[in-house]
Protein backbone atom coordinates (compact mmCIF):
# COMPACT_ATOMS: atom_id res chain seq x y z
CA MET A 1 -242.30 -6.15 7.56
CA ALA A 2 -244.36 -9.37 9.06
CA ARG A 3 -245.75 -10.02 5.03
CA GLU A 4 -242.07 -9.81 3.89
CA ASN A 5 -241.14 -12.27 6.58
CA GLN A 6 -243.98 -14.73 5.64
CA GLY A 7 -243.19 -14.17 1.82
CA LEU A 8 -239.76 -15.10 2.69
CA GLN A 9 -241.23 -18.35 4.22
CA ILE A 10 -243.43 -19.67 2.09
CA ALA A 11 -240.47 -20.00 -0.41
CA LEU A 12 -238.34 -21.25 2.45
CA ILE A 13 -239.97 -23.99 2.86
CA ILE A 14 -241.51 -24.78 -0.93
CA LEU A 15 -237.50 -24.59 -1.40
CA PHE A 16 -237.54 -27.69 1.31
CA MET A 17 -239.72 -29.58 0.33
CA LEU A 18 -238.91 -29.05 -3.94
CA THR A 19 -235.05 -30.17 -2.74
CA ILE A 20 -236.56 -33.33 -0.23
CA ILE A 21 -238.57 -34.36 -3.73
CA LEU A 22 -235.51 -33.73 -5.49
CA GLY A 23 -233.22 -35.89 -3.20
CA VAL A 24 -236.22 -38.48 -3.56
CA THR A 25 -236.72 -38.43 -7.13
CA THR A 26 -232.63 -38.49 -7.96
CA TYR A 27 -232.83 -41.89 -5.32
CA VAL A 28 -235.84 -43.30 -6.73
CA PHE A 29 -233.82 -42.93 -10.79
CA CYS A 30 -230.43 -43.45 -9.77
CA ARG A 31 -231.82 -46.84 -7.67
CA GLN A 32 -233.45 -47.67 -11.18
CA TYR A 33 -230.62 -46.62 -13.29
CA ILE A 34 -228.27 -49.22 -10.59
CA GLU A 35 -230.35 -52.45 -11.57
CA ALA A 36 -231.09 -51.46 -15.44
CA ASP A 37 -227.57 -51.25 -15.54
CA THR A 38 -227.09 -54.96 -13.71
CA SER A 39 -230.33 -55.88 -15.96
CA ALA A 40 -228.15 -55.01 -18.96
CA ARG A 41 -224.89 -56.44 -18.14
CA LYS A 42 -226.65 -60.04 -17.61
CA LEU A 43 -228.56 -59.56 -20.30
CA ASP A 44 -224.89 -58.70 -22.09
CA GLY A 45 -224.18 -61.50 -20.91
CA GLN A 46 -227.26 -64.18 -21.91
CA LEU A 47 -226.87 -62.26 -24.96
CA LYS A 48 -223.01 -63.13 -25.72
CA GLU A 49 -223.66 -66.93 -24.41
CA LYS A 50 -226.12 -66.70 -27.29
CA ASP A 51 -224.38 -65.51 -29.60
CA THR A 52 -221.41 -68.56 -28.63
CA ALA A 53 -224.39 -70.99 -29.36
CA ASN A 54 -225.11 -70.35 -32.18
CA GLN A 55 -222.19 -69.51 -33.58
CA SER A 56 -221.92 -73.27 -32.51
CA ILE A 57 -225.31 -74.52 -34.03
CA GLN A 58 -223.85 -72.32 -37.00
CA ASP A 59 -220.62 -74.24 -37.05
CA GLU A 60 -222.22 -77.08 -36.74
CA ASN A 61 -224.94 -76.40 -39.65
CA ASN A 62 -222.03 -75.69 -42.08
CA LYS A 63 -220.55 -78.79 -41.23
CA LEU A 64 -223.40 -80.48 -42.27
CA LYS A 65 -224.12 -78.31 -45.52
CA LYS A 66 -220.27 -79.99 -46.88
CA MET A 67 -220.75 -82.84 -46.30
CA ILE A 68 -224.23 -83.00 -47.87
CA LEU A 69 -223.13 -81.32 -51.33
CA GLY A 70 -219.79 -82.20 -51.03
CA VAL A 71 -218.23 -79.16 -52.66
CA ALA A 72 -216.38 -76.11 -51.93
CA GLY A 73 -218.38 -72.98 -50.81
CA ALA A 74 -221.28 -75.58 -48.95
CA GLU A 75 -221.19 -73.24 -45.87
CA GLU A 76 -222.70 -70.34 -48.26
CA LYS A 77 -225.97 -72.49 -49.45
CA LYS A 78 -229.08 -71.21 -48.10
CA LEU A 79 -231.77 -74.28 -46.83
CA GLU A 80 -233.77 -73.91 -49.47
CA GLU A 81 -231.32 -75.04 -51.67
CA VAL A 82 -229.86 -77.86 -49.93
CA THR A 83 -233.46 -78.95 -49.97
CA THR A 84 -233.83 -79.05 -53.53
CA GLN A 85 -230.57 -80.58 -53.41
CA PHE A 86 -231.58 -83.31 -50.89
CA ASN A 87 -234.92 -84.21 -52.87
CA ASP A 88 -233.30 -84.06 -56.74
CA ASP A 89 -230.74 -86.82 -54.58
CA ARG A 90 -233.87 -89.02 -53.55
CA GLU A 91 -235.41 -88.45 -57.02
CA LYS A 92 -231.97 -89.92 -58.30
CA LEU A 93 -231.24 -92.55 -56.34
CA ALA A 94 -234.15 -93.44 -53.72
CA ALA A 95 -237.08 -93.58 -56.63
CA GLY A 96 -237.86 -97.49 -55.12
CA PHE A 97 -237.00 -96.70 -52.01
CA ASP A 98 -239.42 -97.00 -49.20
CA GLU A 99 -240.12 -93.60 -47.34
CA GLN A 100 -237.90 -94.37 -44.43
CA ASP A 101 -234.91 -95.56 -46.68
CA LYS A 102 -235.11 -92.26 -48.59
CA PHE A 103 -232.23 -90.59 -46.04
CA TYR A 104 -228.23 -89.90 -47.06
CA ARG A 105 -227.63 -92.92 -45.10
CA PRO A 106 -229.64 -95.37 -45.80
CA MET A 107 -229.49 -94.82 -49.40
CA LEU A 108 -225.86 -95.34 -49.43
CA LEU A 109 -226.37 -98.27 -47.12
CA ARG A 110 -228.49 -99.88 -49.91
CA LEU A 111 -226.50 -98.75 -52.70
CA HIS A 112 -223.47 -100.03 -51.28
CA ASP A 113 -225.64 -103.46 -50.72
CA MET A 114 -226.96 -103.17 -54.30
CA LEU A 115 -223.40 -102.52 -55.85
CA ASN A 116 -222.11 -105.20 -53.77
CA LYS A 117 -225.09 -107.44 -55.29
CA LYS A 118 -224.15 -106.38 -59.34
CA ASN A 119 -220.81 -106.51 -58.75
CA GLY A 120 -221.17 -110.22 -57.34
CA GLU A 121 -223.03 -110.95 -61.02
CA LEU A 122 -221.02 -109.19 -63.02
CA THR A 123 -218.51 -111.91 -61.54
CA ASP A 124 -220.52 -114.66 -62.43
CA SER A 125 -221.37 -113.24 -65.85
CA LYS A 126 -217.47 -113.69 -66.11
CA ASP A 127 -217.29 -116.30 -65.08
CA ALA A 128 -219.68 -117.31 -67.80
CA LEU A 129 -218.40 -115.72 -70.55
CA GLN A 130 -215.01 -117.49 -69.90
CA MET A 131 -216.29 -120.30 -70.22
CA LEU A 132 -218.18 -119.98 -73.44
CA ARG A 133 -215.22 -118.61 -75.18
CA ASP A 134 -213.82 -121.75 -73.59
CA GLU A 135 -216.24 -123.77 -76.07
CA TYR A 136 -216.55 -121.67 -78.24
CA ASP A 137 -212.53 -122.22 -79.08
CA LYS A 138 -212.77 -126.19 -78.96
CA TRP A 139 -215.97 -125.73 -81.51
CA LYS A 140 -213.33 -123.25 -83.20
CA GLN A 141 -210.37 -126.31 -83.55
CA GLU A 142 -212.88 -129.30 -83.84
CA MET A 143 -214.55 -127.47 -87.02
CA ALA A 144 -211.25 -126.23 -88.85
CA GLY A 145 -210.11 -129.65 -89.44
CA GLN A 146 -213.45 -129.71 -91.35
CA VAL A 147 -213.19 -126.25 -92.81
CA LYS A 148 -209.69 -127.66 -94.16
CA LYS A 149 -210.95 -129.70 -95.91
CA HIS A 150 -214.02 -128.23 -97.62
CA ASP A 151 -211.20 -125.56 -98.24
CA ASP A 152 -209.58 -128.04 -100.26
CA ALA A 153 -212.67 -129.43 -102.39
CA ARG A 154 -213.06 -125.88 -103.38
CA LEU A 155 -210.14 -124.74 -104.14
CA ALA A 156 -209.67 -128.34 -106.41
CA ALA A 157 -213.58 -127.77 -107.72
CA GLU A 158 -212.31 -123.85 -108.83
CA ASP A 159 -208.92 -124.96 -110.43
CA LYS A 160 -211.63 -127.54 -112.29
CA LEU A 161 -213.63 -124.94 -113.56
CA LYS A 162 -210.95 -122.10 -114.57
CA THR A 163 -208.95 -125.10 -116.86
CA ALA A 164 -212.64 -125.71 -118.57
CA VAL A 165 -213.34 -122.00 -118.78
CA ALA A 166 -209.86 -121.95 -120.81
CA ALA A 167 -210.93 -125.20 -123.02
CA TYR A 168 -214.28 -122.91 -123.37
CA ASP A 169 -212.76 -119.40 -123.97
CA ALA A 170 -210.58 -121.22 -127.15
CA ALA A 171 -213.25 -123.72 -128.47
CA ARG A 172 -215.15 -120.15 -128.53
CA ALA A 173 -211.95 -118.27 -129.75
CA GLN A 174 -211.53 -120.65 -132.41
CA ILE A 175 -214.82 -120.81 -133.06
CA ASP A 176 -215.33 -116.33 -133.51
CA ALA A 177 -211.95 -117.28 -136.11
CA GLY A 178 -213.83 -119.76 -138.14
CA LYS A 179 -216.94 -117.36 -138.69
CA GLN A 180 -214.42 -114.62 -138.78
CA LYS A 181 -212.65 -116.15 -141.97
CA ILE A 182 -215.87 -117.29 -143.33
CA GLU A 183 -217.32 -113.57 -143.65
CA LYS A 184 -214.29 -112.40 -144.71
CA ASP A 185 -213.72 -115.35 -147.76
CA TRP A 186 -218.28 -114.53 -148.30
CA GLU A 187 -217.28 -111.01 -149.11
CA ALA A 188 -214.44 -111.36 -151.33
CA ALA A 189 -216.52 -113.84 -153.24
CA ARG A 190 -219.73 -111.67 -153.38
CA ASP A 191 -219.60 -110.97 -157.69
CA GLU A 192 -218.45 -114.58 -158.07
CA THR A 193 -220.59 -116.36 -160.20
CA ASP A 194 -223.71 -119.02 -158.97
CA LYS A 195 -221.78 -121.77 -158.24
CA ARG A 196 -219.23 -120.34 -156.67
CA LEU A 197 -221.19 -118.74 -154.14
CA LYS A 198 -222.83 -121.88 -153.38
CA ALA A 199 -219.40 -123.50 -152.68
CA LEU A 200 -218.95 -120.94 -150.24
CA GLU A 201 -221.92 -120.94 -148.94
CA ALA A 202 -221.17 -124.75 -148.47
CA GLU A 203 -218.35 -123.96 -146.68
CA ARG A 204 -220.13 -121.39 -144.14
CA ASP A 205 -222.55 -124.58 -143.54
CA GLN A 206 -219.77 -126.63 -142.64
CA LYS A 207 -218.28 -123.60 -140.07
CA ASN A 208 -221.62 -123.68 -138.77
CA ASP A 209 -221.46 -127.63 -138.31
CA LEU A 210 -218.77 -127.37 -136.93
CA ALA A 211 -219.29 -124.59 -134.28
CA LYS A 212 -222.53 -126.44 -132.62
CA ALA A 213 -220.32 -129.33 -132.46
CA LEU A 214 -218.13 -127.50 -130.52
CA GLU A 215 -221.55 -125.92 -128.20
CA THR A 216 -222.09 -128.97 -127.94
CA ARG A 217 -219.17 -130.29 -126.89
CA ASN A 218 -218.66 -127.43 -124.49
CA GLU A 219 -222.23 -127.68 -123.27
CA GLN A 220 -221.47 -132.51 -122.49
CA GLN A 221 -218.20 -130.26 -120.09
CA ARG A 222 -220.52 -128.24 -118.20
CA LYS A 223 -222.42 -130.91 -117.32
CA GLU A 224 -219.20 -133.11 -116.34
CA LEU A 225 -218.41 -130.00 -114.38
CA ASP A 226 -221.82 -129.76 -112.59
CA LYS A 227 -221.95 -133.46 -111.97
CA GLU A 228 -217.76 -132.67 -110.27
CA THR A 229 -219.37 -129.69 -108.16
CA LYS A 230 -223.08 -129.46 -107.37
CA PRO A 231 -224.83 -132.29 -105.62
CA SER A 232 -227.48 -134.74 -107.37
CA THR A 233 -230.80 -135.10 -106.41
CA ASP A 234 -230.37 -138.69 -106.17
CA VAL A 235 -228.36 -138.58 -103.29
CA PRO A 236 -230.01 -137.85 -99.56
CA ASP A 237 -229.23 -135.59 -97.43
CA GLY A 238 -229.45 -137.97 -93.88
CA LYS A 239 -231.94 -140.39 -92.08
CA ILE A 240 -234.34 -140.61 -89.58
CA SER A 241 -232.93 -142.07 -86.49
CA TRP A 242 -235.72 -142.41 -84.52
CA VAL A 243 -239.69 -141.84 -84.63
CA ASP A 244 -242.21 -141.09 -82.13
CA GLN A 245 -245.82 -141.07 -83.90
CA ARG A 246 -247.60 -140.13 -80.53
CA SER A 247 -246.17 -136.91 -80.50
CA GLY A 248 -245.61 -136.26 -84.24
CA THR A 249 -241.93 -135.75 -83.56
CA VAL A 250 -238.98 -137.19 -85.09
CA TRP A 251 -235.07 -136.77 -84.79
CA ILE A 252 -232.76 -136.68 -87.63
CA ASP A 253 -228.63 -137.60 -88.31
CA LEU A 254 -228.19 -134.00 -88.82
CA GLY A 255 -227.09 -131.14 -86.65
CA ARG A 256 -224.53 -128.48 -85.42
CA ALA A 257 -221.39 -130.24 -87.44
CA ASP A 258 -223.80 -129.97 -90.13
CA ALA A 259 -224.24 -126.60 -89.72
CA LEU A 260 -228.16 -127.04 -89.95
CA ARG A 261 -230.39 -124.78 -88.72
CA ARG A 262 -233.66 -124.39 -87.03
CA GLN A 263 -236.91 -124.80 -89.40
CA THR A 264 -234.96 -126.05 -92.60
CA THR A 265 -238.07 -128.78 -94.15
CA PHE A 266 -237.11 -131.86 -95.64
CA SER A 267 -238.99 -134.17 -97.62
CA VAL A 268 -239.26 -138.00 -96.09
CA TYR A 269 -238.33 -141.14 -99.24
CA PRO A 270 -238.35 -144.32 -98.45
CA MET A 271 -236.32 -146.42 -97.43
CA ASP A 272 -235.10 -148.55 -99.90
CA VAL A 273 -235.66 -145.36 -103.21
CA THR A 274 -231.88 -145.35 -104.88
CA ASN A 275 -233.60 -142.35 -106.94
CA LEU A 276 -234.76 -139.32 -104.72
CA ALA A 277 -234.98 -137.30 -108.39
CA LYS A 278 -237.86 -139.67 -110.01
CA ALA A 279 -239.58 -141.11 -106.30
CA THR A 280 -242.11 -139.49 -104.17
CA LYS A 281 -242.00 -138.26 -101.12
CA LYS A 282 -244.11 -140.31 -98.24
CA ALA A 283 -243.91 -137.12 -95.89
CA GLY A 284 -242.59 -133.81 -94.80
CA ILE A 285 -240.82 -132.62 -92.02
CA GLU A 286 -239.40 -129.20 -90.14
CA VAL A 287 -236.75 -129.00 -87.76
CA THR A 288 -237.75 -128.00 -84.71
CA ARG A 289 -233.90 -127.89 -82.15
CA ILE A 290 -230.61 -128.99 -82.27
CA ARG A 291 -229.68 -131.88 -80.17
CA GLY A 292 -226.15 -132.56 -81.04
CA GLU A 293 -222.93 -132.77 -83.64
CA HIS A 294 -225.37 -134.73 -86.02
CA LEU A 295 -228.85 -134.64 -84.11
CA ALA A 296 -231.66 -132.89 -84.47
CA GLU A 297 -236.06 -133.22 -83.67
CA ALA A 298 -237.96 -131.85 -86.17
CA ARG A 299 -241.91 -132.16 -86.31
CA ILE A 300 -243.85 -134.10 -89.04
CA VAL A 301 -245.59 -131.66 -90.76
CA GLU A 302 -247.08 -134.09 -93.45
CA ASP A 303 -247.60 -137.47 -93.45
CA MET A 304 -249.39 -140.39 -95.02
CA VAL A 305 -251.66 -143.12 -92.28
CA SER A 306 -251.02 -145.82 -94.97
CA ASP A 307 -247.10 -144.72 -95.47
CA PRO A 308 -245.84 -143.91 -91.83
CA ILE A 309 -241.75 -142.68 -91.11
CA MET A 310 -239.84 -145.82 -90.47
CA ILE A 311 -236.67 -145.23 -88.71
CA GLY A 312 -234.04 -145.52 -91.98
CA ASP A 313 -236.33 -143.67 -94.11
CA LYS A 314 -234.62 -141.35 -96.33
CA ILE A 315 -234.72 -136.97 -96.31
CA TYR A 316 -233.41 -134.72 -98.84
CA THR A 317 -234.71 -130.87 -99.51
CA PRO A 318 -232.69 -128.87 -102.81
CA VAL A 319 -232.12 -125.68 -100.34
CA TRP A 320 -229.82 -126.83 -97.66
CA ASN A 321 -226.25 -128.85 -97.80
CA PRO A 322 -224.10 -129.47 -95.45
CA GLY A 323 -221.27 -127.08 -94.49
CA GLU A 324 -222.52 -124.60 -97.60
CA GLN A 325 -225.25 -122.14 -98.81
CA VAL A 326 -226.94 -123.23 -101.16
CA THR A 327 -228.36 -120.08 -103.85
CA PHE A 328 -231.25 -119.64 -105.80
CA ALA A 329 -232.99 -116.98 -108.94
CA LEU A 330 -236.41 -116.64 -108.65
CA VAL A 331 -238.34 -115.96 -112.03
CA GLY A 332 -242.39 -115.26 -112.99
CA LEU A 333 -245.67 -115.83 -111.07
CA MET A 334 -244.22 -117.32 -107.32
CA ASP A 335 -247.99 -118.62 -106.35
CA MET A 336 -246.97 -121.05 -103.47
CA ASP A 337 -251.23 -121.82 -103.06
CA GLY A 338 -252.62 -121.45 -106.55
CA ASP A 339 -254.50 -118.08 -105.48
CA GLY A 340 -253.42 -115.62 -108.97
CA THR A 341 -251.27 -113.86 -106.48
CA SER A 342 -247.68 -113.50 -106.42
CA ASP A 343 -246.34 -115.06 -102.85
CA LEU A 344 -242.28 -114.02 -104.02
CA SER A 345 -241.40 -112.56 -100.22
CA THR A 346 -242.75 -115.91 -98.23
CA VAL A 347 -240.76 -118.43 -101.18
CA LYS A 348 -237.99 -116.20 -101.05
CA GLN A 349 -238.21 -116.43 -97.52
CA LEU A 350 -239.35 -120.26 -97.29
CA ILE A 351 -235.05 -120.78 -98.72
CA GLU A 352 -233.72 -118.37 -96.16
CA LEU A 353 -235.70 -119.73 -93.14
CA SER A 354 -233.82 -123.04 -94.66
CA GLY A 355 -229.92 -122.08 -94.82
CA GLY A 356 -230.26 -120.58 -98.67
CA ARG A 357 -230.16 -117.10 -100.58
CA VAL A 358 -231.80 -115.99 -102.97
CA ASP A 359 -229.31 -114.02 -105.03
CA TYR A 360 -231.51 -112.70 -108.26
CA TRP A 361 -235.61 -112.41 -108.38
CA LYS A 362 -237.18 -111.21 -111.49
CA ASP A 363 -241.06 -110.66 -110.58
CA GLU A 364 -244.40 -111.79 -113.12
CA LYS A 365 -243.90 -107.57 -113.91
CA GLY A 366 -240.65 -107.38 -114.93
CA LYS A 367 -239.26 -106.17 -112.06
CA GLU A 368 -235.95 -107.45 -110.73
CA GLU A 369 -233.22 -106.81 -107.95
CA GLY A 370 -229.56 -108.98 -107.70
CA LYS A 371 -227.97 -111.13 -110.25
CA MET A 372 -227.35 -115.02 -111.28
CA THR A 373 -223.91 -116.36 -111.96
CA ILE A 374 -222.12 -119.38 -112.64
CA TYR A 375 -222.73 -119.67 -108.50
CA THR A 376 -226.52 -119.75 -108.42
CA ARG A 377 -227.09 -123.50 -107.91
CA TYR A 378 -231.48 -123.19 -108.74
CA LEU A 379 -233.12 -121.41 -111.09
CA VAL A 380 -236.85 -121.59 -108.86
CA VAL A 381 -239.91 -120.54 -112.11
CA ASP A 382 -243.74 -121.17 -112.53
CA SER A 383 -244.45 -124.35 -114.34
CA GLU A 384 -245.78 -121.11 -117.16
CA ALA A 385 -243.36 -119.35 -118.59
CA LEU A 386 -240.70 -122.96 -118.21
CA ASP A 387 -243.34 -124.07 -120.53
CA VAL A 388 -243.53 -120.93 -123.10
CA ALA A 389 -239.85 -121.14 -122.54
CA GLU A 390 -239.88 -124.89 -124.17
CA GLY A 391 -242.46 -124.27 -126.38
CA LYS A 392 -245.11 -125.68 -124.97
CA GLY A 393 -248.20 -125.72 -122.23
CA SER A 394 -251.58 -125.50 -123.52
CA ASN A 395 -252.97 -122.83 -126.07
CA GLU A 396 -253.51 -120.59 -123.30
CA ALA A 397 -250.57 -120.99 -122.06
CA LYS A 398 -248.89 -120.32 -125.44
CA GLN A 399 -251.60 -117.07 -125.99
CA LYS A 400 -249.66 -115.52 -122.45
CA ALA A 401 -246.06 -116.19 -123.89
CA GLY A 402 -246.04 -112.14 -125.07
CA ALA A 403 -246.79 -111.53 -121.51
CA VAL A 404 -244.36 -113.18 -120.77
CA GLN A 405 -241.52 -112.73 -122.98
CA ALA A 406 -242.45 -108.61 -122.15
CA ALA A 407 -241.57 -109.29 -119.05
CA GLY A 408 -238.51 -110.95 -119.92
CA GLN A 409 -239.18 -114.84 -117.91
CA THR A 410 -237.90 -116.30 -121.24
CA SER A 411 -234.38 -114.46 -121.66
CA VAL A 412 -233.45 -115.36 -117.53
CA VAL A 413 -234.07 -119.29 -118.60
CA GLU A 414 -232.63 -118.81 -121.23
CA GLU A 415 -229.54 -116.89 -120.26
CA ALA A 416 -229.46 -119.58 -117.19
CA ARG A 417 -229.17 -122.63 -118.81
CA LYS A 418 -225.78 -120.26 -120.52
CA LEU A 419 -224.81 -120.37 -116.67
CA GLY A 420 -225.37 -124.28 -116.17
CA LEU A 421 -228.28 -123.03 -113.48
CA LYS A 422 -230.65 -126.26 -113.19
CA THR A 423 -234.32 -125.54 -113.79
CA ILE A 424 -237.03 -126.37 -110.97
CA THR A 425 -240.22 -125.20 -110.60
CA LEU A 426 -241.71 -124.04 -107.89
CA ALA A 427 -244.46 -126.95 -107.40
CA ALA A 428 -241.10 -129.33 -107.26
CA LEU A 429 -239.31 -127.17 -105.31
CA LEU A 430 -241.47 -126.76 -102.57
CA GLN A 431 -242.04 -130.75 -102.47
CA GLN A 432 -238.85 -131.72 -102.49
CA MET A 433 -238.52 -129.08 -99.14
CA GLY A 434 -241.47 -131.40 -98.16
CA TRP A 435 -243.47 -128.20 -97.19
CA LYS A 436 -247.36 -127.90 -96.63
CA SER A 437 -249.44 -125.83 -98.25
CA GLN A 438 -251.78 -124.46 -95.26
CA THR A 439 -255.72 -124.03 -96.08
CA ARG A 440 -256.51 -121.91 -98.13
CA VAL A 441 -259.62 -119.59 -97.13
CA VAL A 442 -261.94 -117.79 -99.81
CA VAL A 443 -262.00 -114.24 -99.70
CA TYR A 444 -265.25 -112.22 -100.40
CA GLY A 445 -266.18 -108.88 -101.33
CA ARG A 446 -264.59 -106.07 -103.64
CA GLU A 447 -261.29 -107.75 -103.29
CA ALA A 448 -262.83 -111.65 -103.82
CA ASN A 449 -260.98 -114.47 -106.67
CA PRO A 450 -263.72 -115.06 -109.36
CA ARG A 451 -261.39 -118.15 -109.79
CA ASP A 452 -262.99 -118.63 -106.27
CA PHE A 453 -266.43 -119.24 -107.70
CA ARG A 454 -266.27 -120.62 -110.95
CA PRO A 455 -269.36 -123.17 -111.64
CA ARG A 456 -268.47 -126.73 -111.54
CA SER A 457 -270.85 -130.22 -112.66
CA PRO A 458 -271.87 -132.10 -109.56
CA GLU A 459 -269.19 -135.83 -109.45
CA GLY A 460 -269.42 -138.47 -111.41
CA GLY A 461 -272.39 -137.22 -113.75
CA ILE A 462 -273.23 -134.91 -116.83
CA PRO A 463 -273.62 -130.84 -116.23
CA ILE A 464 -277.15 -130.19 -115.55
CA SER A 465 -278.17 -127.24 -116.61
CA ARG A 466 -280.21 -125.11 -113.35
CA GLY A 467 -281.71 -122.29 -115.26
CA THR A 468 -284.39 -121.73 -118.13
CA VAL A 469 -283.08 -122.82 -121.65
CA SER A 470 -283.71 -121.75 -124.75
CA ASP A 471 -287.12 -122.58 -127.38
CA LEU A 472 -284.86 -124.21 -129.72
CA PHE A 473 -283.65 -127.01 -126.92
CA GLN A 474 -287.57 -127.83 -125.48
CA PRO A 475 -288.50 -130.95 -126.29
CA ARG A 476 -291.22 -131.79 -128.65
CA ARG A 477 -294.85 -131.87 -128.25
CA THR A 478 -297.71 -133.08 -130.04
CA PRO A 479 -299.87 -130.59 -131.55
CA PRO A 480 -303.76 -129.24 -129.76
CA LYS A 481 -306.43 -130.92 -131.87
CA GLY A 482 -308.28 -128.33 -133.93
CA PRO A 483 -307.49 -126.12 -136.86
CA ALA A 484 -303.89 -127.01 -138.36
CA GLN A 485 -301.16 -124.45 -136.86
CA ARG A 486 -298.94 -122.61 -138.54
CA GLY A 487 -295.66 -123.28 -137.75
CA GLY A 488 -296.05 -126.45 -136.24
CA ALA A 489 -293.15 -128.84 -135.41
CA TYR A 490 -295.46 -131.32 -136.71
């Protein structure tokens, strides 16, 4: 019985201890729960504050994105996209800016300054353009009178030309009618007696003489028309106004109002010359600057110390005429420097630089371009082609007549004569233009010209042999003493 009470006491003691432990544990856990709940509530408040701050920052970031991109939906763009767009804008808008200026506000300020500067320059350019337009209108009004004067002269010349052409056509029709009548009469009388045949032949010869007389008359009329419509080489284009021999510069009385162009070359003739076609030039000049309406500056490209250029000397070039464009036709070998090769492109360029125009050209190989008309003024030929066409020249030139005829140069010269073109050699054209040949370089090797290496005799003496000659021309010598030598000279 005592043992059962003792066990009950032990159980009560254990139960009491467990109750105390449970109460202490419950108190501790409750305390920790209260502290944890308080801490959780504090953290929740801090979290809400952070969320509010983050939301404010996010709103600011969205506003900045929209300000940077400036398009709808910019708030949804990521930082990498905004950064990429920002770098692209820097490369496009601020490529040459300093690093501290490669941001939106500095970039906008600099671009704004540049825009204002460009606007100012644009305003200045507009003002300058307006001034140029005013000057152009003034110049146009001044030129209107001169243009009308030249148009009236041109219309009058065209009327004269039409009259002459009509007369020529009428005469030609009369000639053709006469020829047809002669041929018809000759066919009808072919079976008659020899006497009648001779009479018809005499009548035909008479008609041919009449046709030649009419053609001669037409040629004279064409020459008279040329005198009225085409300038003569006897009349100079202008004169020397001032000379500066030290700088090699002259001033002439031609300028902007005469439609003069830079790089036009002139021949200079003495002031007392009355016929430039028969005179010899004393110098050559090239226009370098247009100074005024009737004033231009030129450089001296060729002159003589013994006969210098003087004030009042006359100038002339066949390539240029005041207020009109001179036209040319080129045929044959255009060799300017005597090296045997064609300088056709250089001749064309020289004519165009002086204000002229090439209507037609045909080289020495027969290649051609363009067309000759009655309005073409000059036919420029090489001297060999002109000699062959006229039946002149050396035997060597006549031997080359077949090649010249094959190239069609003779037919071109004849056609130019029918059209009334003035024929001039290339050398004469260059001489009248005042062109000076440049120093030619002798080329060696495969591209060398054999003409550069022809043998030359000593100046002022008889050619001397420099090598071994034939035995036939050896000097005779006295035979040696002794037995007679067969075949000796003595």
